[in-house]
């Protein structure tokens, strides 16, 4: 299961982009025999959130 998003953090006071990634993607894995697609989706979302946090913190 793969997810791809575009993320942008903007400082609205200074009107400047703090961090952006226009092609942030991640793959979640699951076993077709014992797990459903929702397991892969949940894993992908958790990994995606971590990448967003890591990317945003890299500029602070």
PDB file of N, CA and C in Angstrom:
ATOM      1  N   UNK A   1       0.858  -1.175   0.000  1.00  0.00           N
ATOM      2  CA  UNK A   1       0.000   0.000   0.000  1.00  0.00           C
ATOM      3  C   UNK A   1       0.894   1.224   0.000  1.00  0.00           C
ATOM      4  N   UNK A   2       0.736   2.096  -0.970  1.00  0.00           N
ATOM      5  CA  UNK A   2       1.542   3.303  -1.068  1.00  0.00           C
ATOM      6  C   UNK A   2       0.697   4.563  -0.960  1.00  0.00           C
ATOM      7  N   UNK A   3       1.285   5.574  -0.360  1.00  0.00           N
ATOM      8  CA  UNK A   3       0.628   6.880  -0.209  1.00  0.00           C
ATOM      9  C   UNK A   3       1.631   7.946  -0.628  1.00  0.00           C
ATOM     10  N   UNK A   4       1.157   8.927  -1.368  1.00  0.00           N
ATOM     11  CA  UNK A   4       2.007  10.055  -1.756  1.00  0.00           C
ATOM     12  C   UNK A   4       1.234  11.341  -1.489  1.00  0.00           C
ATOM     13  N   UNK A   5       1.923  12.316  -0.880  1.00  0.00           N
ATOM     14  CA  UNK A   5       1.292  13.584  -0.532  1.00  0.00           C
ATOM     15  C   UNK A   5       2.232  14.748  -0.860  1.00  0.00           C
ATOM     16  N   UNK A   6       1.660  15.929  -0.854  1.00  0.00           N
ATOM     17  CA  UNK A   6       2.421  17.168  -0.959  1.00  0.00           C
ATOM     18  C   UNK A   6       2.223  17.912   0.352  1.00  0.00           C
ATOM     19  N   UNK A   7       3.331  18.315   0.990  1.00  0.00           N
ATOM     20  CA  UNK A   7       3.266  18.949   2.310  1.00  0.00           C
ATOM     21  C   UNK A   7       3.970  20.295   2.238  1.00  0.00           C
ATOM     22  N   UNK A   8       3.379  21.278   2.902  1.00  0.00           N
ATOM     23  CA  UNK A   8       3.983  22.610   2.944  1.00  0.00           C
ATOM     24  C   UNK A   8       3.657  23.252   4.285  1.00  0.00           C
ATOM     25  N   UNK A   9       4.699  23.674   5.004  1.00  0.00           N
ATOM     26  CA  UNK A   9       4.533  24.426   6.240  1.00  0.00           C
ATOM     27  C   UNK A   9       4.835  25.878   5.930  1.00  0.00           C
ATOM     28  N   UNK A  10       3.899  26.768   6.266  1.00  0.00           N
ATOM     29  CA  UNK A  10       4.033  28.184   5.946  1.00  0.00           C
ATOM     30  C   UNK A  10       3.958  29.012   7.220  1.00  0.00           C
ATOM     31  N   UNK A  11       4.881  29.937   7.352  1.00  0.00           N
ATOM     32  CA  UNK A  11       4.825  30.934   8.415  1.00  0.00           C
ATOM     33  C   UNK A  11       3.894  32.030   7.905  1.00  0.00           C
ATOM     34  N   UNK A  12       2.692  32.078   8.425  1.00  0.00           N
ATOM     35  CA  UNK A  12       1.707  33.037   7.924  1.00  0.00           C
ATOM     36  C   UNK A  12       1.995  34.469   8.377  1.00  0.00           C
ATOM     37  N   UNK A  13       2.766  34.630   9.442  1.00  0.00           N
ATOM     38  CA  UNK A  13       3.130  35.971   9.903  1.00  0.00           C
ATOM     39  C   UNK A  13       4.164  36.578   8.959  1.00  0.00           C
ATOM     40  N   UNK A  14       5.200  35.795   8.652  1.00  0.00           N
ATOM     41  CA  UNK A  14       6.267  36.261   7.773  1.00  0.00           C
ATOM     42  C   UNK A  14       5.979  35.973   6.294  1.00  0.00           C
ATOM     43  N   UNK A  15       4.924  35.228   6.014  1.00  0.00           N
ATOM     44  CA  UNK A  15       4.536  34.832   4.662  1.00  0.00           C
ATOM     45  C   UNK A  15       5.699  34.174   3.911  1.00  0.00           C
ATOM     46  N   UNK A  16       6.227  33.122   4.541  1.00  0.00           N
ATOM     47  CA  UNK A  16       7.314  32.391   3.907  1.00  0.00           C
ATOM     48  C   UNK A  16       7.157  30.893   4.162  1.00  0.00           C
ATOM     49  N   UNK A  17       7.632  30.119   3.212  1.00  0.00           N
ATOM     50  CA  UNK A  17       7.570  28.669   3.326  1.00  0.00           C
ATOM     51  C   UNK A  17       8.699  28.211   4.241  1.00  0.00           C
ATOM     52  N   UNK A  18       8.333  27.496   5.295  1.00  0.00           N
ATOM     53  CA  UNK A  18       9.324  26.981   6.233  1.00  0.00           C
ATOM     54  C   UNK A  18       9.884  25.641   5.766  1.00  0.00           C
ATOM     55  N   UNK A  19       9.021  24.818   5.196  1.00  0.00           N
ATOM     56  CA  UNK A  19       9.431  23.496   4.706  1.00  0.00           C
ATOM     57  C   UNK A  19       8.383  23.005   3.729  1.00  0.00           C
ATOM     58  N   UNK A  20       8.840  22.366   2.668  1.00  0.00           N
ATOM     59  CA  UNK A  20       7.882  21.762   1.748  1.00  0.00           C
ATOM     60  C   UNK A  20       8.499  20.524   1.104  1.00  0.00           C
ATOM     61  N   UNK A  21       7.631  19.653   0.686  1.00  0.00           N
ATOM     62  CA  UNK A  21       8.025  18.451  -0.041  1.00  0.00           C
ATOM     63  C   UNK A  21       6.867  18.132  -0.978  1.00  0.00           C
ATOM     64  N   UNK A  22       7.104  18.251  -2.256  1.00  0.00           N
ATOM     65  CA  UNK A  22       6.018  18.087  -3.224  1.00  0.00           C
ATOM     66  C   UNK A  22       5.794  16.643  -3.639  1.00  0.00           C
ATOM     67  N   UNK A  23       6.649  15.746  -3.206  1.00  0.00           N
ATOM     68  CA  UNK A  23       6.459  14.346  -3.601  1.00  0.00           C
ATOM     69  C   UNK A  23       6.878  13.396  -2.490  1.00  0.00           C
ATOM     70  N   UNK A  24       6.303  13.585  -1.341  1.00  0.00           N
ATOM     71  CA  UNK A  24       6.606  12.743  -0.193  1.00  0.00           C
ATOM     72  C   UNK A  24       5.787  11.465  -0.298  1.00  0.00           C
ATOM     73  N   UNK A  25       6.459  10.343  -0.404  1.00  0.00           N
ATOM     74  CA  UNK A  25       5.758   9.078  -0.562  1.00  0.00           C
ATOM     75  C   UNK A  25       6.309   8.018   0.367  1.00  0.00           C
ATOM     76  N   UNK A  26       5.494   7.037   0.660  1.00  0.00           N
ATOM     77  CA  UNK A  26       5.873   5.961   1.569  1.00  0.00           C
ATOM     78  C   UNK A  26       5.097   4.702   1.211  1.00  0.00           C
ATOM     79  N   UNK A  27       5.679   3.570   1.508  1.00  0.00           N
ATOM     80  CA  UNK A  27       5.035   2.283   1.277  1.00  0.00           C
ATOM     81  C   UNK A  27       4.778   1.602   2.613  1.00  0.00           C
ATOM     82  N   UNK A  28       3.579   1.098   2.804  1.00  0.00           N
ATOM     83  CA  UNK A  28       3.257   0.264   3.953  1.00  0.00           C
ATOM     84  C   UNK A  28       3.137  -1.171   3.482  1.00  0.00           C
ATOM     85  N   UNK A  29       3.541  -2.113   4.320  1.00  0.00           N
ATOM     86  CA  UNK A  29       3.517  -3.512   3.915  1.00  0.00           C
ATOM     87  C   UNK A  29       2.530  -4.293   4.772  1.00  0.00           C
ATOM     88  N   UNK A  30       1.965  -5.316   4.172  1.00  0.00           N
ATOM     89  CA  UNK A  30       1.078  -6.210   4.904  1.00  0.00           C
ATOM     90  C   UNK A  30       1.091  -7.565   4.221  1.00  0.00           C
ATOM     91  N   UNK A  31       0.742  -8.587   4.968  1.00  0.00           N
ATOM     92  CA  UNK A  31       0.680  -9.944   4.443  1.00  0.00           C
ATOM     93  C   UNK A  31      -0.719 -10.204   3.903  1.00  0.00           C
ATOM     94  N   UNK A  32      -0.813 -10.511   2.622  1.00  0.00           N
ATOM     95  CA  UNK A  32      -2.118 -10.750   2.009  1.00  0.00           C
ATOM     96  C   UNK A  32      -2.832 -11.947   2.626  1.00  0.00           C
ATOM     97  N   UNK A  33      -2.066 -12.916   3.122  1.00  0.00           N
ATOM     98  CA  UNK A  33      -2.675 -14.108   3.689  1.00  0.00           C
ATOM     99  C   UNK A  33      -3.311 -13.869   5.054  1.00  0.00           C
ATOM    100  N   UNK A  34      -2.692 -13.013   5.875  1.00  0.00           N
ATOM    101  CA  UNK A  34      -3.168 -12.868   7.249  1.00  0.00           C
ATOM    102  C   UNK A  34      -3.627 -11.464   7.636  1.00  0.00           C
ATOM    103  N   UNK A  35      -3.413 -10.477   6.766  1.00  0.00           N
ATOM    104  CA  UNK A  35      -3.782  -9.099   7.101  1.00  0.00           C
ATOM    105  C   UNK A  35      -4.504  -8.459   5.923  1.00  0.00           C
ATOM    106  N   UNK A  36      -5.299  -7.470   6.219  1.00  0.00           N
ATOM    107  CA  UNK A  36      -5.989  -6.749   5.161  1.00  0.00           C
ATOM    108  C   UNK A  36      -5.212  -5.524   4.713  1.00  0.00           C
ATOM    109  N   UNK A  37      -5.688  -4.915   3.638  1.00  0.00           N
ATOM    110  CA  UNK A  37      -5.055  -3.716   3.098  1.00  0.00           C
ATOM    111  C   UNK A  37      -5.023  -2.586   4.115  1.00  0.00           C
ATOM    112  N   UNK A  38      -5.994  -2.550   5.019  1.00  0.00           N
ATOM    113  CA  UNK A  38      -6.033  -1.479   6.023  1.00  0.00           C
ATOM    114  C   UNK A  38      -4.800  -1.513   6.925  1.00  0.00           C
ATOM    115  N   UNK A  39      -4.204  -2.685   7.125  1.00  0.00           N
ATOM    116  CA  UNK A  39      -2.979  -2.785   7.921  1.00  0.00           C
ATOM    117  C   UNK A  39      -1.838  -2.070   7.195  1.00  0.00           C
ATOM    118  N   UNK A  40      -1.699  -2.299   5.911  1.00  0.00           N
ATOM    119  CA  UNK A  40      -0.676  -1.617   5.127  1.00  0.00           C
ATOM    120  C   UNK A  40      -0.906  -0.122   5.065  1.00  0.00           C
ATOM    121  N   UNK A  41      -2.158   0.281   4.949  1.00  0.00           N
ATOM    122  CA  UNK A  41      -2.496   1.709   4.911  1.00  0.00           C
ATOM    123  C   UNK A  41      -2.135   2.375   6.242  1.00  0.00           C
ATOM    124  N   UNK A  42      -2.472   1.732   7.352  1.00  0.00           N
ATOM    125  CA  UNK A  42      -2.169   2.287   8.671  1.00  0.00           C
ATOM    126  C   UNK A  42      -0.659   2.417   8.870  1.00  0.00           C
ATOM    127  N   UNK A  43       0.092   1.413   8.448  1.00  0.00           N
ATOM    128  CA  UNK A  43       1.549   1.472   8.558  1.00  0.00           C
ATOM    129  C   UNK A  43       2.103   2.612   7.710  1.00  0.00           C
ATOM    130  N   UNK A  44       1.605   2.750   6.492  1.00  0.00           N
ATOM    131  CA  UNK A  44       2.068   3.814   5.603  1.00  0.00           C
ATOM    132  C   UNK A  44       1.780   5.185   6.199  1.00  0.00           C
ATOM    133  N   UNK A  45       0.623   5.359   6.790  1.00  0.00           N
ATOM    134  CA  UNK A  45       0.268   6.653   7.400  1.00  0.00           C
ATOM    135  C   UNK A  45       1.195   6.972   8.562  1.00  0.00           C
ATOM    136  N   UNK A  46       1.463   5.992   9.413  1.00  0.00           N
ATOM    137  CA  UNK A  46       2.371   6.220  10.547  1.00  0.00           C
ATOM    138  C   UNK A  46       3.774   6.595  10.063  1.00  0.00           C
ATOM    139  N   UNK A  47       4.272   5.907   9.061  1.00  0.00           N
ATOM    140  CA  UNK A  47       5.591   6.220   8.511  1.00  0.00           C
ATOM    141  C   UNK A  47       5.610   7.595   7.845  1.00  0.00           C
ATOM    142  N   UNK A  48       4.519   7.940   7.184  1.00  0.00           N
ATOM    143  CA  UNK A  48       4.402   9.239   6.530  1.00  0.00           C
ATOM    144  C   UNK A  48       4.411  10.374   7.554  1.00  0.00           C
ATOM    145  N   UNK A  49       3.680  10.216   8.624  1.00  0.00           N
ATOM    146  CA  UNK A  49       3.660  11.221   9.694  1.00  0.00           C
ATOM    147  C   UNK A  49       5.067  11.417  10.247  1.00  0.00           C
ATOM    148  N   UNK A  50       5.791  10.317  10.466  1.00  0.00           N
ATOM    149  CA  UNK A  50       7.149  10.423  10.991  1.00  0.00           C
ATOM    150  C   UNK A  50       8.067  11.160  10.015  1.00  0.00           C
ATOM    151  N   UNK A  51       7.930  10.892   8.726  1.00  0.00           N
ATOM    152  CA  UNK A  51       8.754  11.600   7.732  1.00  0.00           C
ATOM    153  C   UNK A  51       8.437  13.089   7.690  1.00  0.00           C
ATOM    154  N   UNK A  52       7.164  13.435   7.841  1.00  0.00           N
ATOM    155  CA  UNK A  52       6.770  14.853   7.859  1.00  0.00           C
ATOM    156  C   UNK A  52       7.370  15.541   9.073  1.00  0.00           C
ATOM    157  N   UNK A  53       7.266  14.926  10.234  1.00  0.00           N
ATOM    158  CA  UNK A  53       7.834  15.501  11.457  1.00  0.00           C
ATOM    159  C   UNK A  53       9.344  15.644  11.323  1.00  0.00           C
ATOM    160  N   UNK A  54      10.004  14.597  10.847  1.00  0.00           N
ATOM    161  CA  UNK A  54      11.462  14.652  10.674  1.00  0.00           C
ATOM    162  C   UNK A  54      11.861  15.754   9.687  1.00  0.00           C
ATOM    163  N   UNK A  55      11.147  15.874   8.592  1.00  0.00           N
ATOM    164  CA  UNK A  55      11.453  16.899   7.603  1.00  0.00           C
ATOM    165  C   UNK A  55      11.246  18.295   8.129  1.00  0.00           C
ATOM    166  N   UNK A  56      10.157  18.508   8.845  1.00  0.00           N
ATOM    167  CA  UNK A  56       9.875  19.828   9.413  1.00  0.00           C
ATOM    168  C   UNK A  56      10.902  20.198  10.477  1.00  0.00           C
ATOM    169  N   UNK A  57      11.305  19.242  11.283  1.00  0.00           N
ATOM    170  CA  UNK A  57      12.278  19.521  12.349  1.00  0.00           C
ATOM    171  C   UNK A  57      13.680  19.761  11.799  1.00  0.00           C
ATOM    172  N   UNK A  58      13.953  19.277  10.603  1.00  0.00           N
ATOM    173  CA  UNK A  58      15.289  19.452  10.040  1.00  0.00           C
ATOM    174  C   UNK A  58      15.622  20.916   9.772  1.00  0.00           C
ATOM    175  N   UNK A  59      14.604  21.754   9.674  1.00  0.00           N
ATOM    176  CA  UNK A  59      14.826  23.191   9.416  1.00  0.00           C
ATOM    177  C   UNK A  59      14.765  24.050  10.678  1.00  0.00           C
ATOM    178  N   UNK A  60      14.473  23.451  11.819  1.00  0.00           N
ATOM    179  CA  UNK A  60      14.340  24.249  13.045  1.00  0.00           C
ATOM    180  C   UNK A  60      15.534  24.123  13.919  1.00  0.00           C
TER     181      UNK A  60
END
